[in-house]
Amino acid sequence: MKEYEGTYSMNENMNLTFVAERDSLFVIMAENKIELKPQSENQFFMFESDASIRFERDENNKVDKAILLDGFLTGNTILKIEG
């Protein structure tokens, strides 16, 4: 899960930070630290908001972005900017 760690940008005013601790992945949104539950190797579920995050890789097999699936229907791309 360390490969998913880093800061991702939703837009110029909103960043999400992902951290791996023990055997879990967390997202930090504002002052909230939310544990993500694995759904597959690269997709995680947020119980608090009924949304999922799917991490994507570039042509070099490096995680470079994530797709925020709100209600599992639409996807907003968030680019990895640090980490």
PDB file of N, CA and C in Angstrom:
ATOM      1  N   MET A   1       0.808  -1.200   0.000  1.00  0.00           N
ATOM      2  CA  MET A   1       0.000   0.000   0.000  1.00  0.00           C
ATOM      3  C   MET A   1       0.850   1.263   0.000  1.00  0.00           C
ATOM      4  N   LYS A   2       2.139   1.108   0.288  1.00  0.00           N
ATOM      5  CA  LYS A   2       3.036   2.269   0.302  1.00  0.00           C
ATOM      6  C   LYS A   2       3.054   2.983  -1.047  1.00  0.00           C
ATOM      7  N   GLU A   3       2.863   2.234  -2.132  1.00  0.00           N
ATOM      8  CA  GLU A   3       2.914   2.839  -3.458  1.00  0.00           C
ATOM      9  C   GLU A   3       1.782   3.834  -3.699  1.00  0.00           C
ATOM     10  N   TYR A   4       0.718   3.767  -2.913  1.00  0.00           N
ATOM     11  CA  TYR A   4      -0.404   4.691  -3.062  1.00  0.00           C
ATOM     12  C   TYR A   4      -0.234   5.956  -2.228  1.00  0.00           C
ATOM     13  N   GLU A   5       0.741   5.956  -1.325  1.00  0.00           N
ATOM     14  CA  GLU A   5       0.961   7.119  -0.458  1.00  0.00           C
ATOM     15  C   GLU A   5       1.335   8.342  -1.276  1.00  0.00           C
ATOM     16  N   GLY A   6       0.921   9.493  -0.764  1.00  0.00           N
ATOM     17  CA  GLY A   6       1.294  10.749  -1.384  1.00  0.00           C
ATOM     18  C   GLY A   6       0.153  11.736  -1.357  1.00  0.00           C
ATOM     19  N   THR A   7       0.405  12.889  -1.955  1.00  0.00           N
ATOM     20  CA  THR A   7      -0.592  13.945  -2.053  1.00  0.00           C
ATOM     21  C   THR A   7      -1.124  13.977  -3.478  1.00  0.00           C
ATOM     22  N   TYR A   8      -2.425  14.033  -3.598  1.00  0.00           N
ATOM     23  CA  TYR A   8      -3.106  14.047  -4.890  1.00  0.00           C
ATOM     24  C   TYR A   8      -3.950  15.320  -4.963  1.00  0.00           C
ATOM     25  N   SER A   9      -4.017  15.923  -6.125  1.00  0.00           N
ATOM     26  CA  SER A   9      -4.736  17.181  -6.301  1.00  0.00           C
ATOM     27  C   SER A   9      -6.054  16.959  -7.036  1.00  0.00           C
ATOM     28  N   MET A  10      -7.169  17.336  -6.383  1.00  0.00           N
ATOM     29  CA  MET A  10      -8.474  17.300  -7.043  1.00  0.00           C
ATOM     30  C   MET A  10      -8.657  18.551  -7.888  1.00  0.00           C
ATOM     31  N   ASN A  11      -8.228  19.678  -7.339  1.00  0.00           N
ATOM     32  CA  ASN A  11      -8.246  20.959  -8.040  1.00  0.00           C
ATOM     33  C   ASN A  11      -7.287  21.887  -7.308  1.00  0.00           C
ATOM     34  N   GLU A  12      -7.192  23.127  -7.723  1.00  0.00           N
ATOM     35  CA  GLU A  12      -6.206  24.031  -7.115  1.00  0.00           C
ATOM     36  C   GLU A  12      -6.474  24.337  -5.648  1.00  0.00           C
ATOM     37  N   ASN A  13      -7.677  24.052  -5.174  1.00  0.00           N
ATOM     38  CA  ASN A  13      -8.027  24.338  -3.784  1.00  0.00           C
ATOM     39  C   ASN A  13      -8.190  23.094  -2.912  1.00  0.00           C
ATOM     40  N   MET A  14      -8.063  21.902  -3.507  1.00  0.00           N
ATOM     41  CA  MET A  14      -8.368  20.686  -2.745  1.00  0.00           C
ATOM     42  C   MET A  14      -7.351  19.595  -3.036  1.00  0.00           C
ATOM     43  N   ASN A  15      -6.607  19.191  -2.008  1.00  0.00           N
ATOM     44  CA  ASN A  15      -5.672  18.071  -2.088  1.00  0.00           C
ATOM     45  C   ASN A  15      -6.105  16.983  -1.127  1.00  0.00           C
ATOM     46  N   LEU A  16      -5.813  15.742  -1.489  1.00  0.00           N
ATOM     47  CA  LEU A  16      -6.047  14.598  -0.612  1.00  0.00           C
ATOM     48  C   LEU A  16      -4.697  13.948  -0.353  1.00  0.00           C
ATOM     49  N   THR A  17      -4.464  13.553   0.887  1.00  0.00           N
ATOM     50  CA  THR A  17      -3.225  12.881   1.241  1.00  0.00           C
ATOM     51  C   THR A  17      -3.552  11.459   1.670  1.00  0.00           C
ATOM     52  N   PHE A  18      -2.837  10.503   1.086  1.00  0.00           N
ATOM     53  CA  PHE A  18      -3.016   9.090   1.413  1.00  0.00           C
ATOM     54  C   PHE A  18      -1.791   8.612   2.174  1.00  0.00           C
ATOM     55  N   VAL A  19      -2.027   7.908   3.284  1.00  0.00           N
ATOM     56  CA  VAL A  19      -0.938   7.368   4.091  1.00  0.00           C
ATOM     57  C   VAL A  19      -1.227   5.899   4.399  1.00  0.00           C
ATOM     58  N   ALA A  20      -0.167   5.101   4.372  1.00  0.00           N
ATOM     59  CA  ALA A  20      -0.269   3.685   4.735  1.00  0.00           C
ATOM     60  C   ALA A  20       0.286   3.526   6.139  1.00  0.00           C
ATOM     61  N   GLU A  21      -0.497   2.907   7.002  1.00  0.00           N
ATOM     62  CA  GLU A  21      -0.078   2.633   8.378  1.00  0.00           C
ATOM     63  C   GLU A  21      -0.465   1.205   8.718  1.00  0.00           C
ATOM     64  N   ARG A  22       0.495   0.477   9.255  1.00  0.00           N
ATOM     65  CA  ARG A  22       0.297  -0.943   9.532  1.00  0.00           C
ATOM     66  C   ARG A  22      -0.168  -1.619   8.245  1.00  0.00           C
ATOM     67  N   ASP A  23      -1.296  -2.254   8.232  1.00  0.00           N
ATOM     68  CA  ASP A  23      -1.807  -2.912   7.025  1.00  0.00           C
ATOM     69  C   ASP A  23      -3.017  -2.186   6.449  1.00  0.00           C
ATOM     70  N   SER A  24      -3.128  -0.882   6.707  1.00  0.00           N
ATOM     71  CA  SER A  24      -4.288  -0.120   6.253  1.00  0.00           C
ATOM     72  C   SER A  24      -3.864   1.111   5.468  1.00  0.00           C
ATOM     73  N   LEU A  25      -4.782   1.585   4.620  1.00  0.00           N
ATOM     74  CA  LEU A  25      -4.585   2.824   3.874  1.00  0.00           C
ATOM     75  C   LEU A  25      -5.599   3.833   4.380  1.00  0.00           C
ATOM     76  N   PHE A  26      -5.148   5.067   4.594  1.00  0.00           N
ATOM     77  CA  PHE A  26      -6.001   6.141   5.087  1.00  0.00           C
ATOM     78  C   PHE A  26      -5.947   7.322   4.127  1.00  0.00           C
ATOM     79  N   VAL A  27      -7.035   8.076   4.063  1.00  0.00           N
ATOM     80  CA  VAL A  27      -7.044   9.340   3.336  1.00  0.00           C
ATOM     81  C   VAL A  27      -7.269  10.439   4.367  1.00  0.00           C
ATOM     82  N   ILE A  28      -6.509  11.518   4.226  1.00  0.00           N
ATOM     83  CA  ILE A  28      -6.668  12.673   5.110  1.00  0.00           C
ATOM     84  C   ILE A  28      -7.351  13.762   4.306  1.00  0.00           C
ATOM     85  N   MET A  29      -8.547  14.134   4.780  1.00  0.00           N
ATOM     86  CA  MET A  29      -9.348  15.166   4.135  1.00  0.00           C
ATOM     87  C   MET A  29      -9.621  16.229   5.185  1.00  0.00           C
ATOM     88  N   ALA A  30      -9.047  17.413   4.978  1.00  0.00           N
ATOM     89  CA  ALA A  30      -9.125  18.482   5.972  1.00  0.00           C
ATOM     90  C   ALA A  30      -8.533  17.944   7.277  1.00  0.00           C
ATOM     91  N   GLU A  31      -9.318  17.878   8.342  1.00  0.00           N
ATOM     92  CA  GLU A  31      -8.817  17.378   9.621  1.00  0.00           C
ATOM     93  C   GLU A  31      -9.267  15.947   9.905  1.00  0.00           C
ATOM     94  N   ASN A  32      -9.882  15.298   8.913  1.00  0.00           N
ATOM     95  CA  ASN A  32     -10.394  13.947   9.099  1.00  0.00           C
ATOM     96  C   ASN A  32      -9.435  12.915   8.504  1.00  0.00           C
ATOM     97  N   LYS A  33      -9.204  11.850   9.249  1.00  0.00           N
ATOM     98  CA  LYS A  33      -8.384  10.729   8.783  1.00  0.00           C
ATOM     99  C   LYS A  33      -9.324   9.534   8.658  1.00  0.00           C
ATOM    100  N   ILE A  34      -9.542   9.102   7.410  1.00  0.00           N
ATOM    101  CA  ILE A  34     -10.540   8.076   7.119  1.00  0.00           C
ATOM    102  C   ILE A  34      -9.854   6.806   6.637  1.00  0.00           C
ATOM    103  N   GLU A  35     -10.175   5.692   7.287  1.00  0.00           N
ATOM    104  CA  GLU A  35      -9.615   4.408   6.868  1.00  0.00           C
ATOM    105  C   GLU A  35     -10.331   3.922   5.618  1.00  0.00           C
ATOM    106  N   LEU A  36      -9.562   3.421   4.672  1.00  0.00           N
ATOM    107  CA  LEU A  36     -10.105   2.889   3.431  1.00  0.00           C
ATOM    108  C   LEU A  36     -10.082   1.364   3.482  1.00  0.00           C
ATOM    109  N   LYS A  37     -11.157   0.755   3.041  1.00  0.00           N
ATOM    110  CA  LYS A  37     -11.264  -0.705   3.032  1.00  0.00           C
ATOM    111  C   LYS A  37     -10.995  -1.213   1.621  1.00  0.00           C
ATOM    112  N   PRO A  38     -10.106  -2.189   1.467  1.00  0.00           N
ATOM    113  CA  PRO A  38      -9.792  -2.694   0.128  1.00  0.00           C
ATOM    114  C   PRO A  38     -10.973  -3.407  -0.518  1.00  0.00           C
ATOM    115  N   GLN A  39     -11.191  -3.112  -1.804  1.00  0.00           N
ATOM    116  CA  GLN A  39     -12.190  -3.812  -2.614  1.00  0.00           C
ATOM    117  C   GLN A  39     -11.495  -4.703  -3.640  1.00  0.00           C
ATOM    118  N   SER A  40     -10.326  -4.274  -4.057  1.00  0.00           N
ATOM    119  CA  SER A  40      -9.493  -5.033  -4.986  1.00  0.00           C
ATOM    120  C   SER A  40      -8.055  -4.576  -4.749  1.00  0.00           C
ATOM    121  N   GLU A  41      -7.149  -5.021  -5.590  1.00  0.00           N
ATOM    122  CA  GLU A  41      -5.743  -4.663  -5.417  1.00  0.00           C
ATOM    123  C   GLU A  41      -5.515  -3.150  -5.478  1.00  0.00           C
ATOM    124  N   ASN A  42      -6.280  -2.439  -6.310  1.00  0.00           N
ATOM    125  CA  ASN A  42      -6.055  -1.004  -6.488  1.00  0.00           C
ATOM    126  C   ASN A  42      -7.282  -0.140  -6.207  1.00  0.00           C
ATOM    127  N   GLN A  43      -8.326  -0.706  -5.611  1.00  0.00           N
ATOM    128  CA  GLN A  43      -9.534   0.078  -5.311  1.00  0.00           C
ATOM    129  C   GLN A  43      -9.924  -0.080  -3.848  1.00  0.00           C
ATOM    130  N   PHE A  44     -10.296   1.063  -3.236  1.00  0.00           N
ATOM    131  CA  PHE A  44     -10.603   1.110  -1.811  1.00  0.00           C
ATOM    132  C   PHE A  44     -11.913   1.853  -1.587  1.00  0.00           C
ATOM    133  N   PHE A  45     -12.659   1.440  -0.566  1.00  0.00           N
ATOM    134  CA  PHE A  45     -13.981   1.973  -0.254  1.00  0.00           C
ATOM    135  C   PHE A  45     -13.928   2.855   0.978  1.00  0.00           C
ATOM    136  N   MET A  46     -14.644   3.986   0.935  1.00  0.00           N
ATOM    137  CA  MET A  46     -14.798   4.885   2.089  1.00  0.00           C
ATOM    138  C   MET A  46     -16.221   4.748   2.612  1.00  0.00           C
ATOM    139  N   PHE A  47     -16.385   4.110   3.770  1.00  0.00           N
ATOM    140  CA  PHE A  47     -17.718   3.924   4.337  1.00  0.00           C
ATOM    141  C   PHE A  47     -18.404   5.248   4.635  1.00  0.00           C
ATOM    142  N   GLU A  48     -17.641   6.235   5.123  1.00  0.00           N
ATOM    143  CA  GLU A  48     -18.205   7.500   5.566  1.00  0.00           C
ATOM    144  C   GLU A  48     -18.905   8.273   4.456  1.00  0.00           C
ATOM    145  N   SER A  49     -18.462   8.083   3.204  1.00  0.00           N
ATOM    146  CA  SER A  49     -19.034   8.891   2.127  1.00  0.00           C
ATOM    147  C   SER A  49     -19.621   8.068   0.980  1.00  0.00           C
ATOM    148  N   ASP A  50     -19.707   6.758   1.139  1.00  0.00           N
ATOM    149  CA  ASP A  50     -20.243   5.889   0.099  1.00  0.00           C
ATOM    150  C   ASP A  50     -19.541   6.132  -1.240  1.00  0.00           C
ATOM    151  N   ALA A  51     -18.217   6.184  -1.182  1.00  0.00           N
ATOM    152  CA  ALA A  51     -17.415   6.422  -2.379  1.00  0.00           C
ATOM    153  C   ALA A  51     -16.233   5.459  -2.390  1.00  0.00           C
ATOM    154  N   SER A  52     -15.625   5.321  -3.560  1.00  0.00           N
ATOM    155  CA  SER A  52     -14.433   4.495  -3.711  1.00  0.00           C
ATOM    156  C   SER A  52     -13.336   5.296  -4.381  1.00  0.00           C
ATOM    157  N   ILE A  53     -12.115   4.833  -4.179  1.00  0.00           N
ATOM    158  CA  ILE A  53     -10.939   5.420  -4.820  1.00  0.00           C
ATOM    159  C   ILE A  53     -10.241   4.295  -5.571  1.00  0.00           C
ATOM    160  N   ARG A  54     -10.017   4.488  -6.867  1.00  0.00           N
ATOM    161  CA  ARG A  54      -9.285   3.509  -7.665  1.00  0.00           C
ATOM    162  C   ARG A  54      -7.974   4.146  -8.126  1.00  0.00           C
ATOM    163  N   PHE A  55      -6.867   3.547  -7.767  1.00  0.00           N
ATOM    164  CA  PHE A  55      -5.555   4.062  -8.146  1.00  0.00           C
ATOM    165  C   PHE A  55      -5.178   3.534  -9.522  1.00  0.00           C
ATOM    166  N   GLU A  56      -4.563   4.398 -10.334  1.00  0.00           N
ATOM    167  CA  GLU A  56      -4.185   4.052 -11.699  1.00  0.00           C
ATOM    168  C   GLU A  56      -2.681   4.211 -11.876  1.00  0.00           C
ATOM    169  N   ARG A  57      -2.133   3.474 -12.840  1.00  0.00           N
ATOM    170  CA  ARG A  57      -0.695   3.498 -13.109  1.00  0.00           C
ATOM    171  C   ARG A  57      -0.415   4.079 -14.497  1.00  0.00           C
ATOM    172  N   ASP A  58       0.773   4.667 -14.630  1.00  0.00           N
ATOM    173  CA  ASP A  58       1.195   5.190 -15.923  1.00  0.00           C
ATOM    174  C   ASP A  58       1.873   4.086 -16.735  1.00  0.00           C
ATOM    175  N   GLU A  59       2.431   4.440 -17.886  1.00  0.00           N
ATOM    176  CA  GLU A  59       3.048   3.446 -18.764  1.00  0.00           C
ATOM    177  C   GLU A  59       4.293   2.806 -18.162  1.00  0.00           C
ATOM    178  N   ASN A  60       4.858   3.425 -17.096  1.00  0.00           N
ATOM    179  CA  ASN A  60       6.009   2.861 -16.390  1.00  0.00           C
ATOM    180  C   ASN A  60       5.603   2.060 -15.155  1.00  0.00           C
ATOM    181  N   ASN A  61       4.294   1.796 -15.019  1.00  0.00           N
ATOM    182  CA  ASN A  61       3.740   1.025 -13.911  1.00  0.00           C
ATOM    183  C   ASN A  61       3.872   1.742 -12.569  1.00  0.00           C
ATOM    184  N   LYS A  62       3.951   3.078 -12.606  1.00  0.00           N
ATOM    185  CA  LYS A  62       4.032   3.879 -11.391  1.00  0.00           C
ATOM    186  C   LYS A  62       2.668   4.530 -11.130  1.00  0.00           C
ATOM    187  N   VAL A  63       2.217   4.491  -9.877  1.00  0.00           N
ATOM    188  CA  VAL A  63       0.931   5.103  -9.537  1.00  0.00           C
ATOM    189  C   VAL A  63       1.049   6.610  -9.760  1.00  0.00           C
ATOM    190  N   ASP A  64       0.190   7.150 -10.651  1.00  0.00           N
ATOM    191  CA  ASP A  64       0.266   8.568 -10.979  1.00  0.00           C
ATOM    192  C   ASP A  64      -1.036   9.325 -10.789  1.00  0.00           C
ATOM    193  N   LYS A  65      -2.125   8.597 -10.529  1.00  0.00           N
ATOM    194  CA  LYS A  65      -3.410   9.258 -10.309  1.00  0.00           C
ATOM    195  C   LYS A  65      -4.368   8.293  -9.647  1.00  0.00           C
ATOM    196  N   ALA A  66      -5.484   8.851  -9.222  1.00  0.00           N
ATOM    197  CA  ALA A  66      -6.555   8.044  -8.650  1.00  0.00           C
ATOM    198  C   ALA A  66      -7.873   8.568  -9.203  1.00  0.00           C
ATOM    199  N   ILE A  67      -8.849   7.700  -9.253  1.00  0.00           N
ATOM    200  CA  ILE A  67     -10.182   8.067  -9.706  1.00  0.00           C
ATOM    201  C   ILE A  67     -11.103   7.975  -8.496  1.00  0.00           C
ATOM    202  N   LEU A  68     -11.754   9.090  -8.171  1.00  0.00           N
ATOM    203  CA  LEU A  68     -12.716   9.129  -7.073  1.00  0.00           C
ATOM    204  C   LEU A  68     -14.073   8.760  -7.642  1.00  0.00           C
ATOM    205  N   LEU A  69     -14.605   7.631  -7.210  1.00  0.00           N
ATOM    206  CA  LEU A  69     -15.896   7.126  -7.689  1.00  0.00           C
ATOM    207  C   LEU A  69     -16.956   7.454  -6.642  1.00  0.00           C
ATOM    208  N   ASP A  70     -17.719   8.486  -6.900  1.00  0.00           N
ATOM    209  CA  ASP A  70     -18.742   8.941  -5.967  1.00  0.00           C
ATOM    210  C   ASP A  70     -20.032   8.164  -6.227  1.00  0.00           C
ATOM    211  N   GLY A  71     -20.406   7.339  -5.288  1.00  0.00           N
ATOM    212  CA  GLY A  71     -21.591   6.507  -5.472  1.00  0.00           C
ATOM    213  C   GLY A  71     -21.363   5.431  -6.526  1.00  0.00           C
ATOM    214  N   PHE A  72     -20.109   5.164  -6.873  1.00  0.00           N
ATOM    215  CA  PHE A  72     -19.697   4.130  -7.819  1.00  0.00           C
ATOM    216  C   PHE A  72     -20.089   4.435  -9.265  1.00  0.00           C
ATOM    217  N   LEU A  73     -20.632   5.617  -9.546  1.00  0.00           N
ATOM    218  CA  LEU A  73     -21.123   5.883 -10.890  1.00  0.00           C
ATOM    219  C   LEU A  73     -20.210   6.795 -11.697  1.00  0.00           C
ATOM    220  N   THR A  74     -19.807   7.923 -11.132  1.00  0.00           N
ATOM    221  CA  THR A  74     -18.999   8.873 -11.875  1.00  0.00           C
ATOM    222  C   THR A  74     -17.595   8.898 -11.323  1.00  0.00           C
ATOM    223  N   GLY A  75     -16.657   9.295 -12.134  1.00  0.00           N
ATOM    224  CA  GLY A  75     -15.270   9.326 -11.690  1.00  0.00           C
ATOM    225  C   GLY A  75     -14.640  10.688 -11.870  1.00  0.00           C
ATOM    226  N   ASN A  76     -13.989  11.173 -10.809  1.00  0.00           N
ATOM    227  CA  ASN A  76     -13.219  12.401 -10.864  1.00  0.00           C
ATOM    228  C   ASN A  76     -11.751  12.030 -10.715  1.00  0.00           C
ATOM    229  N   THR A  77     -10.947  12.444 -11.673  1.00  0.00           N
ATOM    230  CA  THR A  77      -9.525  12.121 -11.628  1.00  0.00           C
ATOM    231  C   THR A  77      -8.800  13.058 -10.685  1.00  0.00           C
ATOM    232  N   ILE A  78      -7.966  12.495  -9.820  1.00  0.00           N
ATOM    233  CA  ILE A  78      -7.129  13.283  -8.936  1.00  0.00           C
ATOM    234  C   ILE A  78      -5.682  12.875  -9.198  1.00  0.00           C
ATOM    235  N   LEU A  79      -4.862  13.842  -9.580  1.00  0.00           N
ATOM    236  CA  LEU A  79      -3.482  13.571  -9.980  1.00  0.00           C
ATOM    237  C   LEU A  79      -2.547  13.549  -8.800  1.00  0.00           C
ATOM    238  N   LYS A  80      -1.615  12.623  -8.799  1.00  0.00           N
ATOM    239  CA  LYS A  80      -0.610  12.529  -7.753  1.00  0.00           C
ATOM    240  C   LYS A  80       0.426  13.633  -7.995  1.00  0.00           C
ATOM    241  N   ILE A  81       0.610  14.499  -6.995  1.00  0.00           N
ATOM    242  CA  ILE A  81       1.532  15.627  -7.162  1.00  0.00           C
ATOM    243  C   ILE A  81       2.756  15.511  -6.275  1.00  0.00           C
ATOM    244  N   GLU A  82       2.730  14.594  -5.306  1.00  0.00           N
ATOM    245  CA  GLU A  82       3.847  14.448  -4.386  1.00  0.00           C
ATOM    246  C   GLU A  82       3.814  13.067  -3.751  1.00  0.00           C
ATOM    247  N   GLY A  83       4.993  12.486  -3.557  1.00  0.00           N
ATOM    248  CA  GLY A  83       5.049  11.211  -2.849  1.00  0.00           C
ATOM    249  C   GLY A  83       5.501  10.076  -3.694  1.00  0.00           C
TER     250      GLY A  83
END
